[in-house]
PDB file of N, CA and C in Angstrom:
ATOM      1  N   MET A   1     -20.233  30.641 115.057  1.00  0.00           N
ATOM      2  CA  MET A   1     -18.835  30.322 114.860  1.00  0.00           C
ATOM      3  C   MET A   1     -18.064  31.540 114.346  1.00  0.00           C
ATOM      4  N   ILE A   2     -18.681  32.321 113.510  1.00  0.00           N
ATOM      5  CA  ILE A   2     -18.025  33.520 112.971  1.00  0.00           C
ATOM      6  C   ILE A   2     -17.784  34.525 114.099  1.00  0.00           C
ATOM      7  N   LYS A   3     -18.729  34.609 115.023  1.00  0.00           N
ATOM      8  CA  LYS A   3     -18.576  35.513 116.165  1.00  0.00           C
ATOM      9  C   LYS A   3     -17.356  35.113 117.002  1.00  0.00           C
ATOM     10  N   PHE A   4     -17.136  33.808 117.157  1.00  0.00           N
ATOM     11  CA  PHE A   4     -15.982  33.313 117.906  1.00  0.00           C
ATOM     12  C   PHE A   4     -14.676  33.768 117.259  1.00  0.00           C
ATOM     13  N   PHE A   5     -14.569  33.639 115.941  1.00  0.00           N
ATOM     14  CA  PHE A   5     -13.350  34.027 115.237  1.00  0.00           C
ATOM     15  C   PHE A   5     -13.134  35.539 115.273  1.00  0.00           C
ATOM     16  N   LYS A   6     -14.201  36.329 115.236  1.00  0.00           N
ATOM     17  CA  LYS A   6     -14.061  37.789 115.337  1.00  0.00           C
ATOM     18  C   LYS A   6     -13.541  38.179 116.725  1.00  0.00           C
ATOM     19  N   ASN A   7     -14.092  37.554 117.754  1.00  0.00           N
ATOM     20  CA  ASN A   7     -13.626  37.839 119.115  1.00  0.00           C
ATOM     21  C   ASN A   7     -12.184  37.367 119.312  1.00  0.00           C
ATOM     22  N   PHE A   8     -11.861  36.223 118.746  1.00  0.00           N
ATOM     23  CA  PHE A   8     -10.507  35.681 118.867  1.00  0.00           C
ATOM     24  C   PHE A   8      -9.491  36.602 118.195  1.00  0.00           C
ATOM     25  N   SER A   9      -9.832  37.166 117.043  1.00  0.00           N
ATOM     26  CA  SER A   9      -8.898  38.040 116.328  1.00  0.00           C
ATOM     27  C   SER A   9      -8.703  39.380 117.043  1.00  0.00           C
ATOM     28  N   LYS A  10      -9.678  39.801 117.846  1.00  0.00           N
ATOM     29  CA  LYS A  10      -9.565  41.064 118.579  1.00  0.00           C
ATOM     30  C   LYS A  10      -8.895  40.910 119.934  1.00  0.00           C
ATOM     31  N   ASP A  11      -8.795  39.690 120.422  1.00  0.00           N
ATOM     32  CA  ASP A  11      -8.226  39.430 121.748  1.00  0.00           C
ATOM     33  C   ASP A  11      -6.720  39.659 121.716  1.00  0.00           C
ATOM     34  N   GLU A  12      -6.208  40.472 122.662  1.00  0.00           N
ATOM     35  CA  GLU A  12      -4.785  40.808 122.694  1.00  0.00           C
ATOM     36  C   GLU A  12      -4.060  40.207 123.898  1.00  0.00           C
ATOM     37  N   ASP A  13      -4.697  39.385 124.667  1.00  0.00           N
ATOM     38  CA  ASP A  13      -4.054  38.801 125.843  1.00  0.00           C
ATOM     39  C   ASP A  13      -2.842  37.958 125.468  1.00  0.00           C
ATOM     40  N   GLY A  14      -2.922  37.196 124.411  1.00  0.00           N
ATOM     41  CA  GLY A  14      -1.796  36.369 123.981  1.00  0.00           C
ATOM     42  C   GLY A  14      -0.608  37.211 123.548  1.00  0.00           C
ATOM     43  N   ALA A  15      -0.867  38.336 122.897  1.00  0.00           N
ATOM     44  CA  ALA A  15       0.214  39.216 122.441  1.00  0.00           C
ATOM     45  C   ALA A  15       0.974  39.792 123.628  1.00  0.00           C
ATOM     46  N   VAL A  16       0.266  40.150 124.675  1.00  0.00           N
ATOM     47  CA  VAL A  16       0.915  40.687 125.872  1.00  0.00           C
ATOM     48  C   VAL A  16       1.776  39.614 126.526  1.00  0.00           C
ATOM     49  N   THR A  17       1.293  38.401 126.542  1.00  0.00           N
ATOM     50  CA  THR A  17       2.065  37.299 127.114  1.00  0.00           C
ATOM     51  C   THR A  17       3.346  37.070 126.331  1.00  0.00           C
ATOM     52  N   VAL A  18       3.257  37.099 125.023  1.00  0.00           N
ATOM     53  CA  VAL A  18       4.448  36.927 124.178  1.00  0.00           C
ATOM     54  C   VAL A  18       5.440  38.050 124.440  1.00  0.00           C
ATOM     55  N   ASP A  19       4.953  39.269 124.579  1.00  0.00           N
ATOM     56  CA  ASP A  19       5.845  40.400 124.875  1.00  0.00           C
ATOM     57  C   ASP A  19       6.603  40.173 126.180  1.00  0.00           C
ATOM     58  N   TRP A  20       5.908  39.722 127.212  1.00  0.00           N
ATOM     59  CA  TRP A  20       6.554  39.487 128.508  1.00  0.00           C
ATOM     60  C   TRP A  20       7.554  38.346 128.435  1.00  0.00           C
ATOM     61  N   VAL A  21       7.245  37.310 127.663  1.00  0.00           N
ATOM     62  CA  VAL A  21       8.171  36.189 127.526  1.00  0.00           C
ATOM     63  C   VAL A  21       9.442  36.647 126.821  1.00  0.00           C
ATOM     64  N   VAL A  22       9.303  37.442 125.766  1.00  0.00           N
ATOM     65  CA  VAL A  22      10.476  37.946 125.050  1.00  0.00           C
ATOM     66  C   VAL A  22      11.296  38.871 125.940  1.00  0.00           C
ATOM     67  N   LEU A  23      10.642  39.742 126.676  1.00  0.00           N
ATOM     68  CA  LEU A  23      11.343  40.654 127.572  1.00  0.00           C
ATOM     69  C   LEU A  23      12.073  39.893 128.676  1.00  0.00           C
ATOM     70  N   THR A  24      11.438  38.894 129.249  1.00  0.00           N
ATOM     71  CA  THR A  24      12.070  38.091 130.289  1.00  0.00           C
ATOM     72  C   THR A  24      13.269  37.327 129.749  1.00  0.00           C
ATOM     73  N   ALA A  25      13.133  36.774 128.551  1.00  0.00           N
ATOM     74  CA  ALA A  25      14.253  36.047 127.937  1.00  0.00           C
ATOM     75  C   ALA A  25      15.432  36.989 127.682  1.00  0.00           C
ATOM     76  N   ALA A  26      15.160  38.217 127.277  1.00  0.00           N
ATOM     77  CA  ALA A  26      16.238  39.185 127.052  1.00  0.00           C
ATOM     78  C   ALA A  26      16.949  39.523 128.358  1.00  0.00           C
ATOM     79  N   VAL A  27      16.210  39.715 129.422  1.00  0.00           N
ATOM     80  CA  VAL A  27      16.814  40.037 130.720  1.00  0.00           C
ATOM     81  C   VAL A  27      17.657  38.873 131.227  1.00  0.00           C
ATOM     82  N   VAL A  28      17.152  37.657 131.081  1.00  0.00           N
ATOM     83  CA  VAL A  28      17.913  36.479 131.508  1.00  0.00           C
ATOM     84  C   VAL A  28      19.178  36.335 130.675  1.00  0.00           C
ATOM     85  N   GLY A  29      19.065  36.554 129.368  1.00  0.00           N
ATOM     86  CA  GLY A  29      20.239  36.476 128.494  1.00  0.00           C
ATOM     87  C   GLY A  29      21.302  37.494 128.866  1.00  0.00           C
ATOM     88  N   LEU A  30      20.888  38.714 129.159  1.00  0.00           N
ATOM     89  CA  LEU A  30      21.848  39.738 129.581  1.00  0.00           C
ATOM     90  C   LEU A  30      22.485  39.374 130.918  1.00  0.00           C
ATOM     91  N   GLY A  31      21.704  38.782 131.809  1.00  0.00           N
ATOM     92  CA  GLY A  31      22.262  38.359 133.094  1.00  0.00           C
ATOM     93  C   GLY A  31      23.308  37.269 132.926  1.00  0.00           C
ATOM     94  N   VAL A  32      23.031  36.306 132.073  1.00  0.00           N
ATOM     95  CA  VAL A  32      23.992  35.230 131.820  1.00  0.00           C
ATOM     96  C   VAL A  32      25.256  35.779 131.176  1.00  0.00           C
ATOM     97  N   ALA A  33      25.101  36.696 130.236  1.00  0.00           N
ATOM     98  CA  ALA A  33      26.264  37.303 129.591  1.00  0.00           C
ATOM     99  C   ALA A  33      27.097  38.096 130.598  1.00  0.00           C
ATOM    100  N   GLY A  34      26.444  38.794 131.510  1.00  0.00           N
ATOM    101  CA  GLY A  34      27.165  39.545 132.535  1.00  0.00           C
ATOM    102  C   GLY A  34      27.929  38.643 133.476  1.00  0.00           C
ATOM    103  N   VAL A  35      27.307  37.558 133.896  1.00  0.00           N
ATOM    104  CA  VAL A  35      27.986  36.609 134.787  1.00  0.00           C
ATOM    105  C   VAL A  35      29.182  35.976 134.087  1.00  0.00           C
ATOM    106  N   ALA A  36      29.019  35.623 132.820  1.00  0.00           N
ATOM    107  CA  ALA A  36      30.126  35.023 132.073  1.00  0.00           C
ATOM    108  C   ALA A  36      31.283  36.003 131.929  1.00  0.00           C
ATOM    109  N   SER A  37      30.965  37.261 131.704  1.00  0.00           N
ATOM    110  CA  SER A  37      32.000  38.285 131.566  1.00  0.00           C
ATOM    111  C   SER A  37      32.760  38.491 132.878  1.00  0.00           C
ATOM    112  N   VAL A  38      32.033  38.586 133.968  1.00  0.00           N
ATOM    113  CA  VAL A  38      32.665  38.776 135.273  1.00  0.00           C
ATOM    114  C   VAL A  38      33.488  37.543 135.644  1.00  0.00           C
ATOM    115  N   ASN A  39      32.975  36.361 135.331  1.00  0.00           N
ATOM    116  CA  ASN A  39      33.688  35.131 135.647  1.00  0.00           C
ATOM    117  C   ASN A  39      35.029  35.089 134.915  1.00  0.00           C
ATOM    118  N   THR A  40      35.047  35.492 133.663  1.00  0.00           N
ATOM    119  CA  THR A  40      36.298  35.521 132.902  1.00  0.00           C
ATOM    120  C   THR A  40      37.286  36.498 133.526  1.00  0.00           C
ATOM    121  N   GLY A  41      36.822  37.664 133.904  1.00  0.00           N
ATOM    122  CA  GLY A  41      37.693  38.657 134.526  1.00  0.00           C
ATOM    123  C   GLY A  41      38.238  38.196 135.863  1.00  0.00           C
ATOM    124  N   ILE A  42      37.399  37.562 136.662  1.00  0.00           N
ATOM    125  CA  ILE A  42      37.844  37.087 137.980  1.00  0.00           C
ATOM    126  C   ILE A  42      38.861  35.970 137.827  1.00  0.00           C
ATOM    127  N   THR A  43      38.636  35.081 136.859  1.00  0.00           N
ATOM    128  CA  THR A  43      39.582  33.990 136.641  1.00  0.00           C
ATOM    129  C   THR A  43      40.944  34.543 136.224  1.00  0.00           C
ATOM    130  N   GLY A  44      40.950  35.532 135.341  1.00  0.00           N
ATOM    131  CA  GLY A  44      42.211  36.155 134.929  1.00  0.00           C
ATOM    132  C   GLY A  44      42.906  36.852 136.082  1.00  0.00           C
ATOM    133  N   LEU A  45      42.130  37.545 136.900  1.00  0.00           N
ATOM    134  CA  LEU A  45      42.696  38.235 138.055  1.00  0.00           C
ATOM    135  C   LEU A  45      43.279  37.244 139.058  1.00  0.00           C
ATOM    136  N   ALA A  46      42.577  36.147 139.301  1.00  0.00           N
ATOM    137  CA  ALA A  46      43.079  35.144 140.237  1.00  0.00           C
ATOM    138  C   ALA A  46      44.371  34.526 139.724  1.00  0.00           C
ATOM    139  N   THR A  47      44.456  34.321 138.422  1.00  0.00           N
ATOM    140  CA  THR A  47      45.693  33.772 137.846  1.00  0.00           C
ATOM    141  C   THR A  47      46.849  34.739 138.029  1.00  0.00           C
ATOM    142  N   LYS A  48      46.595  36.024 137.792  1.00  0.00           N
ATOM    143  CA  LYS A  48      47.653  37.027 137.969  1.00  0.00           C
ATOM    144  C   LYS A  48      48.093  37.108 139.428  1.00  0.00           C
ATOM    145  N   ILE A  49      47.161  37.076 140.343  1.00  0.00           N
ATOM    146  CA  ILE A  49      47.507  37.128 141.765  1.00  0.00           C
ATOM    147  C   ILE A  49      48.314  35.900 142.157  1.00  0.00           C
ATOM    148  N   GLY A  50      47.902  34.733 141.674  1.00  0.00           N
ATOM    149  CA  GLY A  50      48.633  33.508 141.969  1.00  0.00           C
ATOM    150  C   GLY A  50      50.053  33.555 141.447  1.00  0.00           C
ATOM    151  N   THR A  51      50.238  34.140 140.278  1.00  0.00           N
ATOM    152  CA  THR A  51      51.577  34.261 139.704  1.00  0.00           C
ATOM    153  C   THR A  51      52.440  35.209 140.531  1.00  0.00           C
ATOM    154  N   GLU A  52      51.876  36.313 140.965  1.00  0.00           N
ATOM    155  CA  GLU A  52      52.624  37.291 141.747  1.00  0.00           C
ATOM    156  C   GLU A  52      52.983  36.763 143.128  1.00  0.00           C
ATOM    157  N   VAL A  53      52.077  36.030 143.752  1.00  0.00           N
ATOM    158  CA  VAL A  53      52.327  35.516 145.095  1.00  0.00           C
ATOM    159  C   VAL A  53      53.400  34.435 145.053  1.00  0.00           C
ATOM    160  N   GLY A  54      53.360  33.637 144.009  1.00  0.00           N
ATOM    161  CA  GLY A  54      54.352  32.576 143.875  1.00  0.00           C
ATOM    162  C   GLY A  54      53.809  31.239 144.317  1.00  0.00           C
ATOM    163  N   THR A  55      54.610  30.232 144.167  1.00  0.00           N
ATOM    164  CA  THR A  55      54.143  28.886 144.478  1.00  0.00           C
ATOM    165  C   THR A  55      54.368  28.496 145.929  1.00  0.00           C
ATOM    166  N   THR A  56      55.102  29.295 146.687  1.00  0.00           N
ATOM    167  CA  THR A  56      55.384  28.919 148.077  1.00  0.00           C
ATOM    168  C   THR A  56      54.281  29.356 149.037  1.00  0.00           C
ATOM    169  N   ALA A  57      53.438  30.291 148.632  1.00  0.00           N
ATOM    170  CA  ALA A  57      52.378  30.765 149.518  1.00  0.00           C
ATOM    171  C   ALA A  57      51.218  29.776 149.521  1.00  0.00           C
ATOM    172  N   THR A  58      50.522  29.696 150.640  1.00  0.00           N
ATOM    173  CA  THR A  58      49.359  28.822 150.738  1.00  0.00           C
ATOM    174  C   THR A  58      48.138  29.641 151.127  1.00  0.00           C
ATOM    175  N   VAL A  59      47.000  29.174 150.719  1.00  0.00           N
ATOM    176  CA  VAL A  59      45.736  29.823 151.050  1.00  0.00           C
ATOM    177  C   VAL A  59      45.033  28.944 152.058  1.00  0.00           C
ATOM    178  N   THR A  60      44.618  29.543 153.167  1.00  0.00           N
ATOM    179  CA  THR A  60      43.942  28.772 154.197  1.00  0.00           C
ATOM    180  C   THR A  60      42.446  29.004 154.128  1.00  0.00           C
ATOM    181  N   SER A  61      41.702  28.080 154.655  1.00  0.00           N
ATOM    182  CA  SER A  61      40.238  28.179 154.654  1.00  0.00           C
ATOM    183  C   SER A  61      39.814  29.147 155.758  1.00  0.00           C
ATOM    184  N   LEU A  62      38.724  29.869 155.491  1.00  0.00           N
ATOM    185  CA  LEU A  62      38.205  30.793 156.497  1.00  0.00           C
ATOM    186  C   LEU A  62      37.400  30.055 157.573  1.00  0.00           C
ATOM    187  N   GLY A  63      37.015  28.849 157.256  1.00  0.00           N
ATOM    188  CA  GLY A  63      36.260  28.066 158.232  1.00  0.00           C
ATOM    189  C   GLY A  63      34.879  28.635 158.470  1.00  0.00           C
ATOM    190  N   THR A  64      34.526  28.794 159.721  1.00  0.00           N
ATOM    191  CA  THR A  64      33.201  29.295 160.064  1.00  0.00           C
ATOM    192  C   THR A  64      33.301  30.767 160.450  1.00  0.00           C
ATOM    193  N   LEU A  65      33.699  31.573 159.521  1.00  0.00           N
ATOM    194  CA  LEU A  65      33.880  33.002 159.758  1.00  0.00           C
ATOM    195  C   LEU A  65      32.555  33.645 160.137  1.00  0.00           C
ATOM    196  N   GLY A  66      32.538  34.394 161.199  1.00  0.00           N
ATOM    197  CA  GLY A  66      31.356  35.130 161.614  1.00  0.00           C
ATOM    198  C   GLY A  66      30.390  34.336 162.499  1.00  0.00           C
ATOM    199  N   GLN A  67      30.766  33.153 162.873  1.00  0.00           N
ATOM    200  CA  GLN A  67      29.876  32.371 163.738  1.00  0.00           C
ATOM    201  C   GLN A  67      30.415  32.297 165.136  1.00  0.00           C
TER     202      GLN A  67
END
């Protein structure tokens, strides 16, 4: 039983897994933050464009563009 605990304390496979999980979570978090930032900017830009164009202009659907 003591041999099992000595081997368990020397095993580093779990530590590597934790490192990868933390690194992956950081990358996903940065991706979500980037998307949220771009979404805010695009929404503001669309509002400004809508204001400049005015209320009389209409936007039409592209339909099946490229088919």
